[in-house]
């Protein structure tokens, strides 16, 4: 199942305080970058981020974005803008 444009737009709006966020469509899903660093994506209307040392402290649940992919962390509290910003920044510290 592909992610909806509406969910993509919602996530991008939630992350709009961070400068240099970019999004690339890939096979019905969306890859997310901060300053050119791939930190996560939108898969099946779920925000998933790469697993790093710096974002372990959030105790996020691991999920598979698509078949045969490495696990990523599911960010399910996408309504809290400050929380999202911290997670993205912490993730990118290690990338």
N, C-alpha and C. Protein backbone atom coordinates (compact mmCIF):
# COMPACT_ATOMS: atom_id res chain seq x y z
N UNK A 1 0.85 -1.18 0.00
CA UNK A 1 0.00 0.00 0.00
C UNK A 1 0.89 1.24 0.00
N UNK A 2 0.64 2.14 -0.88
CA UNK A 2 1.42 3.37 -0.97
C UNK A 2 0.93 4.40 0.05
N UNK A 3 1.82 5.29 0.42
CA UNK A 3 1.46 6.36 1.35
C UNK A 3 0.68 7.44 0.61
N UNK A 4 -0.19 8.10 1.35
CA UNK A 4 -1.01 9.15 0.74
C UNK A 4 -0.25 10.47 0.69
N UNK A 5 -0.59 11.27 -0.28
CA UNK A 5 -0.01 12.61 -0.40
C UNK A 5 -0.41 13.45 0.81
N UNK A 6 -1.61 13.23 1.31
CA UNK A 6 -2.08 13.99 2.48
C UNK A 6 -1.22 13.71 3.71
N UNK A 7 -0.87 12.43 3.93
CA UNK A 7 -0.02 12.10 5.07
C UNK A 7 1.38 12.67 4.87
N UNK A 8 1.90 12.57 3.66
CA UNK A 8 3.21 13.16 3.36
C UNK A 8 3.21 14.65 3.67
N UNK A 9 2.18 15.35 3.18
CA UNK A 9 2.09 16.79 3.41
C UNK A 9 1.97 17.12 4.90
N UNK A 10 1.24 16.29 5.65
CA UNK A 10 1.10 16.49 7.09
C UNK A 10 2.46 16.36 7.77
N UNK A 11 3.21 15.31 7.44
CA UNK A 11 4.53 15.10 8.06
C UNK A 11 5.48 16.24 7.68
N UNK A 12 5.49 16.64 6.44
CA UNK A 12 6.36 17.74 6.03
C UNK A 12 5.98 19.04 6.74
N UNK A 13 4.70 19.26 6.96
CA UNK A 13 4.25 20.43 7.70
C UNK A 13 4.72 20.35 9.16
N UNK A 14 4.62 19.16 9.75
CA UNK A 14 5.07 18.97 11.13
C UNK A 14 6.57 19.22 11.27
N UNK A 15 7.33 18.93 10.24
CA UNK A 15 8.78 19.10 10.27
C UNK A 15 9.24 20.44 9.70
N UNK A 16 8.32 21.33 9.43
CA UNK A 16 8.65 22.57 8.72
C UNK A 16 9.54 23.54 9.52
N UNK A 17 9.62 23.37 10.84
CA UNK A 17 10.53 24.22 11.63
C UNK A 17 11.99 23.88 11.35
N UNK A 18 12.25 22.65 10.95
CA UNK A 18 13.61 22.25 10.60
C UNK A 18 13.91 22.75 9.19
N UNK A 19 15.01 23.44 9.04
CA UNK A 19 15.38 23.91 7.71
C UNK A 19 16.03 22.78 6.93
N UNK A 20 15.91 22.85 5.65
CA UNK A 20 16.56 21.92 4.73
C UNK A 20 16.01 20.50 4.78
N UNK A 21 14.73 20.35 5.10
CA UNK A 21 14.07 19.06 4.97
C UNK A 21 13.66 18.90 3.51
N UNK A 22 14.01 17.78 2.93
CA UNK A 22 13.57 17.49 1.57
C UNK A 22 12.94 16.10 1.54
N UNK A 23 12.15 15.89 0.52
CA UNK A 23 11.39 14.65 0.39
C UNK A 23 11.47 14.20 -1.07
N UNK A 24 11.76 12.92 -1.26
CA UNK A 24 11.80 12.35 -2.61
C UNK A 24 10.86 11.17 -2.68
N UNK A 25 10.04 11.15 -3.71
CA UNK A 25 9.13 10.03 -3.89
C UNK A 25 9.89 8.84 -4.46
N UNK A 26 9.58 7.66 -3.91
CA UNK A 26 10.24 6.44 -4.36
C UNK A 26 9.23 5.29 -4.31
N UNK A 27 8.74 4.89 -5.46
CA UNK A 27 7.84 3.74 -5.58
C UNK A 27 6.62 3.84 -4.66
N UNK A 28 5.99 4.98 -4.64
CA UNK A 28 4.77 5.17 -3.85
C UNK A 28 5.01 5.55 -2.41
N UNK A 29 6.26 5.60 -2.01
CA UNK A 29 6.63 5.99 -0.64
C UNK A 29 7.49 7.25 -0.73
N UNK A 30 7.95 7.75 0.42
CA UNK A 30 8.68 9.01 0.44
C UNK A 30 9.91 8.90 1.33
N UNK A 31 11.06 9.29 0.79
CA UNK A 31 12.30 9.32 1.55
C UNK A 31 12.48 10.72 2.10
N UNK A 32 12.95 10.82 3.35
CA UNK A 32 13.10 12.10 4.02
C UNK A 32 14.57 12.38 4.30
N UNK A 33 14.99 13.61 4.02
CA UNK A 33 16.37 14.03 4.18
C UNK A 33 16.42 15.31 5.01
N UNK A 34 17.48 15.44 5.80
CA UNK A 34 17.78 16.69 6.49
C UNK A 34 19.20 17.06 6.10
N UNK A 35 19.36 18.22 5.49
CA UNK A 35 20.67 18.66 4.99
C UNK A 35 21.33 17.60 4.12
N UNK A 36 20.54 16.93 3.31
CA UNK A 36 21.06 15.92 2.40
C UNK A 36 21.29 14.56 3.01
N UNK A 37 21.03 14.40 4.31
CA UNK A 37 21.20 13.10 4.97
C UNK A 37 19.87 12.37 5.03
N UNK A 38 19.85 11.17 4.50
CA UNK A 38 18.65 10.34 4.56
C UNK A 38 18.47 9.86 6.00
N UNK A 39 17.39 10.30 6.64
CA UNK A 39 17.17 9.91 8.03
C UNK A 39 15.96 9.02 8.21
N UNK A 40 15.11 8.93 7.22
CA UNK A 40 13.92 8.11 7.37
C UNK A 40 13.01 8.22 6.16
N UNK A 41 11.77 7.83 6.37
CA UNK A 41 10.83 7.89 5.27
C UNK A 41 9.40 7.66 5.73
N UNK A 42 8.52 7.82 4.79
CA UNK A 42 7.10 7.58 5.02
C UNK A 42 6.75 6.33 4.23
N UNK A 43 6.36 5.29 4.96
CA UNK A 43 6.05 4.00 4.37
C UNK A 43 4.67 3.57 4.86
N UNK A 44 3.76 3.32 3.95
CA UNK A 44 2.40 2.89 4.31
C UNK A 44 1.79 3.82 5.36
N UNK A 45 1.94 5.12 5.14
CA UNK A 45 1.41 6.16 6.05
C UNK A 45 1.95 6.01 7.47
N UNK A 46 3.22 5.62 7.58
CA UNK A 46 3.92 5.55 8.86
C UNK A 46 5.23 6.31 8.71
N UNK A 47 5.58 7.10 9.71
CA UNK A 47 6.86 7.78 9.74
C UNK A 47 7.87 6.84 10.39
N UNK A 48 8.87 6.44 9.63
CA UNK A 48 9.92 5.55 10.13
C UNK A 48 11.26 6.26 10.00
N UNK A 49 12.12 6.10 11.02
CA UNK A 49 13.44 6.71 11.00
C UNK A 49 14.50 5.63 11.20
N UNK A 50 15.70 5.93 10.71
CA UNK A 50 16.80 4.99 10.87
C UNK A 50 17.12 4.80 12.35
N UNK A 51 17.60 3.62 12.68
CA UNK A 51 18.01 3.32 14.05
C UNK A 51 19.44 3.81 14.26
N UNK A 52 19.63 4.63 15.30
CA UNK A 52 20.96 5.13 15.65
C UNK A 52 21.13 5.08 17.16
N UNK A 53 22.36 5.27 17.61
CA UNK A 53 22.63 5.31 19.05
C UNK A 53 21.88 6.46 19.72
N UNK A 54 21.86 7.59 19.04
CA UNK A 54 21.29 8.80 19.65
C UNK A 54 19.77 8.77 19.78
N UNK A 55 19.08 7.95 18.99
CA UNK A 55 17.62 7.95 19.11
C UNK A 55 17.07 6.74 19.87
N UNK A 56 17.95 5.91 20.41
CA UNK A 56 17.50 4.77 21.22
C UNK A 56 16.74 5.21 22.46
N UNK A 57 17.09 6.39 22.98
CA UNK A 57 16.50 6.87 24.23
C UNK A 57 15.00 7.13 24.13
N UNK A 58 14.46 7.18 22.92
CA UNK A 58 13.03 7.43 22.75
C UNK A 58 12.19 6.16 22.88
N UNK A 59 12.85 5.02 22.98
CA UNK A 59 12.15 3.73 23.14
C UNK A 59 11.07 3.51 22.09
N UNK A 60 11.43 3.72 20.85
CA UNK A 60 10.49 3.54 19.74
C UNK A 60 10.45 2.08 19.33
N UNK A 61 9.33 1.68 18.77
CA UNK A 61 9.14 0.30 18.32
C UNK A 61 9.77 0.12 16.93
N UNK A 62 10.46 -0.99 16.76
CA UNK A 62 11.07 -1.31 15.47
C UNK A 62 10.01 -1.90 14.54
N UNK A 63 10.04 -1.46 13.31
CA UNK A 63 9.15 -2.00 12.27
C UNK A 63 9.93 -2.10 10.97
N UNK A 64 9.43 -2.95 10.10
CA UNK A 64 10.02 -3.13 8.78
C UNK A 64 9.29 -2.22 7.79
N UNK A 65 10.02 -1.36 7.07
CA UNK A 65 9.33 -0.47 6.13
C UNK A 65 8.73 -1.19 4.92
N UNK A 66 9.42 -2.21 4.45
CA UNK A 66 8.96 -3.00 3.31
C UNK A 66 9.71 -4.33 3.35
N UNK A 67 9.25 -5.28 2.58
CA UNK A 67 9.81 -6.63 2.60
C UNK A 67 11.32 -6.61 2.33
N UNK A 68 12.06 -7.35 3.13
CA UNK A 68 13.51 -7.53 3.04
C UNK A 68 14.31 -6.27 3.40
N UNK A 69 13.68 -5.30 4.03
CA UNK A 69 14.39 -4.08 4.45
C UNK A 69 14.87 -4.22 5.89
N UNK A 70 15.83 -3.40 6.25
CA UNK A 70 16.30 -3.35 7.64
C UNK A 70 15.22 -2.70 8.50
N UNK A 71 15.12 -3.10 9.76
CA UNK A 71 14.15 -2.46 10.65
C UNK A 71 14.47 -0.99 10.86
N UNK A 72 13.43 -0.24 11.09
CA UNK A 72 13.54 1.18 11.40
C UNK A 72 12.63 1.46 12.59
N UNK A 73 12.80 2.62 13.20
CA UNK A 73 11.94 2.99 14.31
C UNK A 73 10.68 3.68 13.81
N UNK A 74 9.55 3.26 14.37
CA UNK A 74 8.27 3.89 14.09
C UNK A 74 8.08 5.08 15.03
N UNK A 75 7.81 6.24 14.45
CA UNK A 75 7.49 7.43 15.24
C UNK A 75 5.98 7.57 15.17
N UNK A 76 5.30 7.20 16.24
CA UNK A 76 3.84 7.23 16.20
C UNK A 76 3.25 8.49 16.82
N UNK A 77 4.06 9.30 17.50
CA UNK A 77 3.57 10.56 18.05
C UNK A 77 3.92 11.70 17.10
N UNK A 78 3.27 11.70 15.95
CA UNK A 78 3.60 12.69 14.92
C UNK A 78 2.89 14.02 15.13
N UNK A 79 2.05 14.12 16.16
CA UNK A 79 1.35 15.37 16.43
C UNK A 79 2.19 16.36 17.23
N UNK A 80 3.22 15.89 17.91
CA UNK A 80 4.07 16.74 18.76
C UNK A 80 5.27 17.23 17.93
N UNK A 81 5.19 18.47 17.48
CA UNK A 81 6.21 19.03 16.58
C UNK A 81 7.59 19.07 17.24
N UNK A 82 7.67 19.51 18.49
CA UNK A 82 8.96 19.60 19.17
C UNK A 82 9.59 18.22 19.35
N UNK A 83 8.78 17.24 19.68
CA UNK A 83 9.23 15.85 19.82
C UNK A 83 9.80 15.35 18.49
N UNK A 84 9.10 15.59 17.40
CA UNK A 84 9.57 15.17 16.08
C UNK A 84 10.90 15.81 15.73
N UNK A 85 11.00 17.11 15.98
CA UNK A 85 12.24 17.82 15.68
C UNK A 85 13.42 17.21 16.44
N UNK A 86 13.22 16.91 17.72
CA UNK A 86 14.30 16.33 18.53
C UNK A 86 14.72 14.96 18.00
N UNK A 87 13.74 14.15 17.65
CA UNK A 87 14.05 12.80 17.14
C UNK A 87 14.84 12.89 15.84
N UNK A 88 14.43 13.75 14.94
CA UNK A 88 15.12 13.89 13.65
C UNK A 88 16.54 14.39 13.86
N UNK A 89 16.69 15.40 14.70
CA UNK A 89 18.04 15.94 14.96
C UNK A 89 18.92 14.88 15.61
N UNK A 90 18.40 14.18 16.62
CA UNK A 90 19.18 13.13 17.27
C UNK A 90 19.55 12.03 16.29
N UNK A 91 18.65 11.67 15.41
CA UNK A 91 18.93 10.64 14.41
C UNK A 91 20.06 11.08 13.49
N UNK A 92 20.00 12.31 13.04
CA UNK A 92 20.99 12.81 12.08
C UNK A 92 22.36 13.03 12.70
N UNK A 93 22.44 13.16 14.02
CA UNK A 93 23.74 13.31 14.69
C UNK A 93 24.65 12.13 14.35
N UNK A 94 24.08 10.94 14.31
CA UNK A 94 24.87 9.73 14.09
C UNK A 94 25.04 9.35 12.61
N UNK A 95 24.40 10.05 11.75
CA UNK A 95 24.46 9.67 10.32
C UNK A 95 25.60 10.39 9.60
